[in-house]
């Protein structure tokens, strides 16, 4: 429900922007479409979302607020706990050529858990929080799958720079406390195919998935403010994992032409 509310707010803001922009254009160039036409014939009149100089804006958001009671996992059981996770992704790009875009993505996330966990043979009070961010310059190539370009396939190649930190505090037997602090930095070169579908006017839904990539990650771990360890890992992956599936809302500002009713 919260995802739907945010999507509606975003659509409302962009629609208001387009309305105010249209009021400043000469009346000969303004087109008044009915709601049905915005879902159908709008795409048959010189619709060119991937034209040179068009601007792309995208947004994705996820939120998970979960209460756990006697929830059994592989190595532990959550007796009573609460988990709050959220993820924000902003995208922007400019089509420097027809069907070719240069863009950037900015991501921020936070995962938090507080609760009582049973780890044989102890019951542990656990508090963890994990935050991170990333910036991804990218290039995208789009291939229309329909004559009116309403449905299209795209391939995106990006170079991600990111980092984050996490803090975990586990308390057992009242006074035994273990505190673990992690700092990490990584970069990733990856390829992500996806599908774009225009639902109404220039608003589109996008589905995207990571399938191929190389990642280098450096992690520094400090335990109880004393013990320090460092880890450097390199990974190459090629797989189709539904957990990497991203769903988002996008808007295409058409800068290369003005649509007219015929």
Protein backbone atom coordinates (compact mmCIF):
# COMPACT_ATOMS: atom_id res chain seq x y z
CA UNK A 1 0.00 0.00 0.00
CA UNK A 2 2.82 2.41 0.86
CA UNK A 3 4.50 1.70 -2.49
CA UNK A 4 1.24 2.53 -4.29
CA UNK A 5 0.85 5.81 -2.40
CA UNK A 6 4.35 6.93 -3.31
CA UNK A 7 3.83 5.99 -6.96
CA UNK A 8 0.57 8.01 -7.03
CA UNK A 9 2.29 11.03 -5.46
CA UNK A 10 5.11 10.86 -8.01
CA UNK A 11 2.65 10.60 -10.90
CA UNK A 12 0.70 13.55 -9.55
CA UNK A 13 3.78 15.76 -9.28
CA UNK A 14 4.96 14.95 -12.78
CA UNK A 15 1.48 15.45 -14.23
CA UNK A 16 1.27 18.85 -12.57
CA UNK A 17 4.66 19.75 -14.02
CA UNK A 18 3.57 18.77 -17.52
CA UNK A 19 0.33 20.75 -17.14
CA UNK A 20 2.11 23.90 -16.05
CA UNK A 21 4.61 23.50 -18.88
CA UNK A 22 1.86 23.10 -21.43
CA UNK A 23 0.16 26.31 -20.26
CA UNK A 24 3.22 28.24 -21.37
CA UNK A 25 3.20 26.79 -24.89
CA UNK A 26 1.41 28.37 -27.83
CA UNK A 27 -2.18 27.13 -28.15
CA UNK A 28 -1.47 25.71 -31.63
CA UNK A 29 0.88 23.13 -30.13
CA UNK A 30 -1.20 22.07 -27.13
CA UNK A 31 -3.05 18.77 -27.45
CA UNK A 32 -5.91 17.76 -25.19
CA UNK A 33 -6.15 13.97 -24.97
CA UNK A 34 -8.97 12.11 -23.28
CA UNK A 35 -7.98 9.57 -20.60
CA UNK A 36 -8.78 6.74 -23.00
CA UNK A 37 -6.59 8.28 -25.74
CA UNK A 38 -3.69 8.59 -23.26
CA UNK A 39 -3.92 4.80 -22.87
CA UNK A 40 -4.32 3.97 -26.57
CA UNK A 41 -4.15 6.25 -29.63
CA UNK A 42 -1.64 8.59 -27.93
CA UNK A 43 1.07 6.10 -28.90
CA UNK A 44 0.09 6.03 -32.58
CA UNK A 45 0.78 9.71 -33.30
CA UNK A 46 4.53 10.13 -33.73
CA UNK A 47 5.39 8.70 -30.29
CA UNK A 48 9.21 8.65 -30.00
CA UNK A 49 10.33 8.17 -26.39
CA UNK A 50 13.91 7.17 -27.28
CA UNK A 51 14.64 10.08 -29.59
CA UNK A 52 17.85 12.09 -29.27
CA UNK A 53 17.73 14.86 -26.61
CA UNK A 54 14.88 13.20 -24.68
CA UNK A 55 15.33 13.13 -20.88
CA UNK A 56 14.69 10.07 -18.73
CA UNK A 57 13.78 10.09 -15.01
CA UNK A 58 13.19 6.92 -13.01
CA UNK A 59 12.35 5.98 -9.43
CA UNK A 60 12.07 2.74 -7.47
CA UNK A 61 11.20 2.25 -3.82
CA UNK A 62 10.84 -0.76 -1.53
CA UNK A 63 9.77 -0.98 2.11
CA UNK A 64 9.49 -3.99 4.39
CA UNK A 65 8.17 -3.61 7.96
CA UNK A 66 7.95 -7.05 9.55
CA UNK A 67 7.05 -8.28 13.02
CA UNK A 68 8.48 -11.74 13.86
CA UNK A 69 7.38 -14.17 16.59
CA UNK A 70 8.83 -17.68 16.90
CA UNK A 71 10.15 -17.42 13.36
CA UNK A 72 12.56 -20.30 12.72
CA UNK A 73 15.56 -19.77 10.45
CA UNK A 74 18.34 -22.12 9.41
CA UNK A 75 20.64 -21.53 12.40
CA UNK A 76 18.47 -19.54 14.81
CA UNK A 77 14.93 -18.75 15.90
CA UNK A 78 13.56 -15.23 16.31
CA UNK A 79 11.52 -15.36 19.50
CA UNK A 80 10.32 -11.77 19.29
CA UNK A 81 11.68 -9.22 16.83
CA UNK A 82 10.98 -6.40 14.42
CA UNK A 83 12.63 -5.77 11.05
CA UNK A 84 12.50 -2.55 9.03
CA UNK A 85 14.14 -2.40 5.60
CA UNK A 86 13.88 0.24 2.90
CA UNK A 87 15.61 0.96 -0.39
CA UNK A 88 15.52 4.11 -2.57
CA UNK A 89 16.72 4.27 -6.18
CA UNK A 90 16.78 7.40 -8.36
CA UNK A 91 17.69 7.38 -12.06
CA UNK A 92 18.25 10.09 -14.67
CA UNK A 93 19.57 10.08 -18.21
CA UNK A 94 19.85 11.89 -21.52
CA UNK A 95 19.46 10.29 -24.94
CA UNK A 96 22.59 11.43 -26.78
CA UNK A 97 21.48 9.48 -29.87
CA UNK A 98 18.30 7.75 -30.99
CA UNK A 99 17.84 4.67 -28.75
CA UNK A 100 21.12 5.40 -26.91
CA UNK A 101 21.21 6.95 -23.42
CA UNK A 102 23.87 8.08 -20.96
CA UNK A 103 22.66 8.18 -17.37
CA UNK A 104 23.36 7.86 -13.68
CA UNK A 105 21.68 5.97 -10.80
CA UNK A 106 21.83 6.81 -7.09
CA UNK A 107 20.85 4.23 -4.47
CA UNK A 108 20.46 4.40 -0.68
CA UNK A 109 19.28 1.64 1.65
CA UNK A 110 18.92 0.80 5.34
CA UNK A 111 18.19 -2.52 7.09
CA UNK A 112 17.43 -2.67 10.80
CA UNK A 113 16.55 -5.49 13.21
CA UNK A 114 15.83 -5.46 16.94
CA UNK A 115 14.75 -8.57 18.79
CA UNK A 116 15.32 -11.60 20.97
CA UNK A 117 16.98 -14.50 19.12
CA UNK A 118 17.59 -18.07 20.26
CA UNK A 119 20.97 -19.42 19.09
CA UNK A 120 21.55 -22.82 20.68
CA UNK A 121 22.37 -22.90 23.58
CA UNK A 122 21.86 -19.16 24.30
CA UNK A 123 19.10 -16.58 24.02
CA UNK A 124 20.60 -13.37 22.65
CA UNK A 125 19.25 -9.81 22.53
CA UNK A 126 20.24 -8.62 19.05
CA UNK A 127 20.34 -5.09 17.61
CA UNK A 128 21.66 -4.58 14.08
CA UNK A 129 21.61 -1.73 11.59
CA UNK A 130 23.09 -1.66 8.10
CA UNK A 131 23.28 1.41 5.81
CA UNK A 132 24.76 1.84 2.36
CA UNK A 133 24.80 3.90 -0.82
CA UNK A 134 25.98 3.62 -4.40
CA UNK A 135 26.39 5.75 -7.54
CA UNK A 136 26.27 4.11 -10.98
CA UNK A 137 27.15 5.92 -14.22
CA UNK A 138 25.66 3.85 -17.06
CA UNK A 139 24.85 3.60 -20.75
CA UNK A 140 21.63 2.12 -22.12
CA UNK A 141 20.58 0.83 -25.52
CA UNK A 142 16.86 0.39 -26.26
CA UNK A 143 15.25 -1.84 -28.89
CA UNK A 144 11.50 -1.35 -29.60
CA UNK A 145 9.44 -4.55 -29.61
CA UNK A 146 6.32 -2.93 -31.11
CA UNK A 147 5.82 -0.55 -34.03
CA UNK A 148 4.66 2.31 -31.80
CA UNK A 149 7.59 1.76 -29.36
CA UNK A 150 5.24 1.32 -26.41
CA UNK A 151 6.96 -1.94 -25.42
CA UNK A 152 10.74 -2.17 -25.66
CA UNK A 153 13.74 -4.17 -24.52
CA UNK A 154 16.88 -2.49 -23.18
CA UNK A 155 20.37 -3.43 -22.10
CA UNK A 156 22.15 -1.32 -19.49
CA UNK A 157 25.86 -1.44 -18.67
CA UNK A 158 27.00 0.38 -15.54
CA UNK A 159 29.99 0.93 -13.27
CA UNK A 160 28.94 1.10 -9.61
CA UNK A 161 30.87 2.74 -6.77
CA UNK A 162 29.42 2.18 -3.33
CA UNK A 163 30.01 1.76 0.35
CA UNK A 164 28.32 1.17 3.64
CA UNK A 165 28.62 0.28 7.30
CA UNK A 166 26.87 -1.98 9.76
CA UNK A 167 26.74 -2.25 13.53
CA UNK A 168 25.67 -5.37 15.42
CA UNK A 169 25.27 -5.63 19.20
CA UNK A 170 24.50 -9.00 20.83
CA UNK A 171 23.81 -9.26 24.56
CA UNK A 172 23.53 -12.51 26.51
CA UNK A 173 23.54 -13.38 30.22
CA UNK A 174 22.79 -9.70 30.94
CA UNK A 175 26.40 -8.47 30.90
CA UNK A 176 28.08 -10.34 28.01
CA UNK A 177 28.12 -7.95 25.04
CA UNK A 178 29.61 -8.54 21.60
CA UNK A 179 29.80 -5.51 19.31
CA UNK A 180 30.78 -5.87 15.65
CA UNK A 181 31.29 -2.88 13.34
CA UNK A 182 31.84 -3.32 9.59
CA UNK A 183 32.93 -0.80 6.97
CA UNK A 184 32.89 -1.74 3.29
CA UNK A 185 33.65 -0.26 -0.11
CA UNK A 186 33.05 -1.87 -3.48
CA UNK A 187 32.83 -1.31 -7.17
CA UNK A 188 31.00 -3.38 -9.74
CA UNK A 189 30.89 -3.57 -13.50
CA UNK A 190 27.65 -5.17 -14.61
CA UNK A 191 25.13 -5.69 -17.38
CA UNK A 192 21.38 -5.56 -16.74
CA UNK A 193 18.70 -6.26 -19.35
CA UNK A 194 15.13 -5.10 -18.88
CA UNK A 195 11.72 -4.30 -20.31
CA UNK A 196 9.99 -0.90 -20.59
CA UNK A 197 6.21 -0.60 -20.99
CA UNK A 198 4.44 2.75 -21.36
CA UNK A 199 1.24 2.61 -19.34
CA UNK A 200 -0.12 6.14 -19.76
CA UNK A 201 1.25 9.09 -21.72
CA UNK A 202 5.01 9.24 -21.05
CA UNK A 203 4.85 7.22 -17.82
CA UNK A 204 6.44 3.78 -18.06
CA UNK A 205 6.92 0.74 -15.86
CA UNK A 206 10.34 -0.89 -15.96
CA UNK A 207 11.50 -4.37 -14.99
CA UNK A 208 15.25 -4.91 -14.76
CA UNK A 209 17.52 -7.76 -13.63
CA UNK A 210 21.26 -8.18 -13.05
CA UNK A 211 22.63 -11.12 -15.04
CA UNK A 212 26.37 -10.53 -15.50
CA UNK A 213 28.94 -8.68 -13.44
CA UNK A 214 32.37 -8.36 -11.83
CA UNK A 215 32.64 -7.05 -8.27
CA UNK A 216 35.53 -6.08 -6.01
CA UNK A 217 34.68 -5.55 -2.33
CA UNK A 218 36.88 -4.50 0.61
CA UNK A 219 35.56 -4.96 4.18
CA UNK A 220 37.06 -3.92 7.51
CA UNK A 221 35.60 -5.52 10.66
CA UNK A 222 36.15 -4.35 14.23
CA UNK A 223 35.02 -6.59 17.13
CA UNK A 224 34.53 -5.07 20.61
CA UNK A 225 36.63 -2.03 19.55
CA UNK A 226 39.78 -4.19 19.73
CA UNK A 227 40.06 -6.99 17.18
CA UNK A 228 40.39 -5.76 13.59
CA UNK A 229 40.20 -7.88 10.44
CA UNK A 230 40.20 -7.03 6.73
CA UNK A 231 38.73 -8.93 3.83
CA UNK A 232 39.19 -8.38 0.08
CA UNK A 233 36.97 -10.32 -2.32
CA UNK A 234 36.50 -10.51 -6.07
CA UNK A 235 33.41 -12.09 -7.62
CA UNK A 236 32.38 -12.83 -11.18
CA UNK A 237 28.76 -13.85 -11.60
CA UNK A 238 26.58 -14.94 -14.48
CA UNK A 239 23.15 -16.06 -13.36
CA UNK A 240 19.47 -15.22 -13.50
CA UNK A 241 18.39 -14.49 -9.95
CA UNK A 242 14.84 -13.32 -9.33
CA UNK A 243 16.03 -11.67 -6.10
CA UNK A 244 17.86 -9.05 -8.21
CA UNK A 245 14.62 -8.11 -10.01
CA UNK A 246 13.91 -4.37 -9.86
CA UNK A 247 10.49 -2.82 -10.51
CA UNK A 248 10.30 0.92 -11.06
CA UNK A 249 8.39 3.88 -12.47
CA UNK A 250 9.93 6.07 -15.18
CA UNK A 251 9.00 9.25 -17.05
CA UNK A 252 10.34 10.39 -20.42
CA UNK A 253 10.52 14.13 -21.10
CA UNK A 254 10.35 14.50 -24.88
CA UNK A 255 12.72 17.28 -25.83
CA UNK A 256 13.18 16.54 -29.50
CA UNK A 257 9.68 17.25 -30.80
CA UNK A 258 6.18 18.54 -29.98
CA UNK A 259 3.23 16.21 -30.38
CA UNK A 260 0.31 17.59 -32.42
CA UNK A 261 -3.13 16.21 -32.99
CA UNK A 262 -3.77 15.30 -36.62
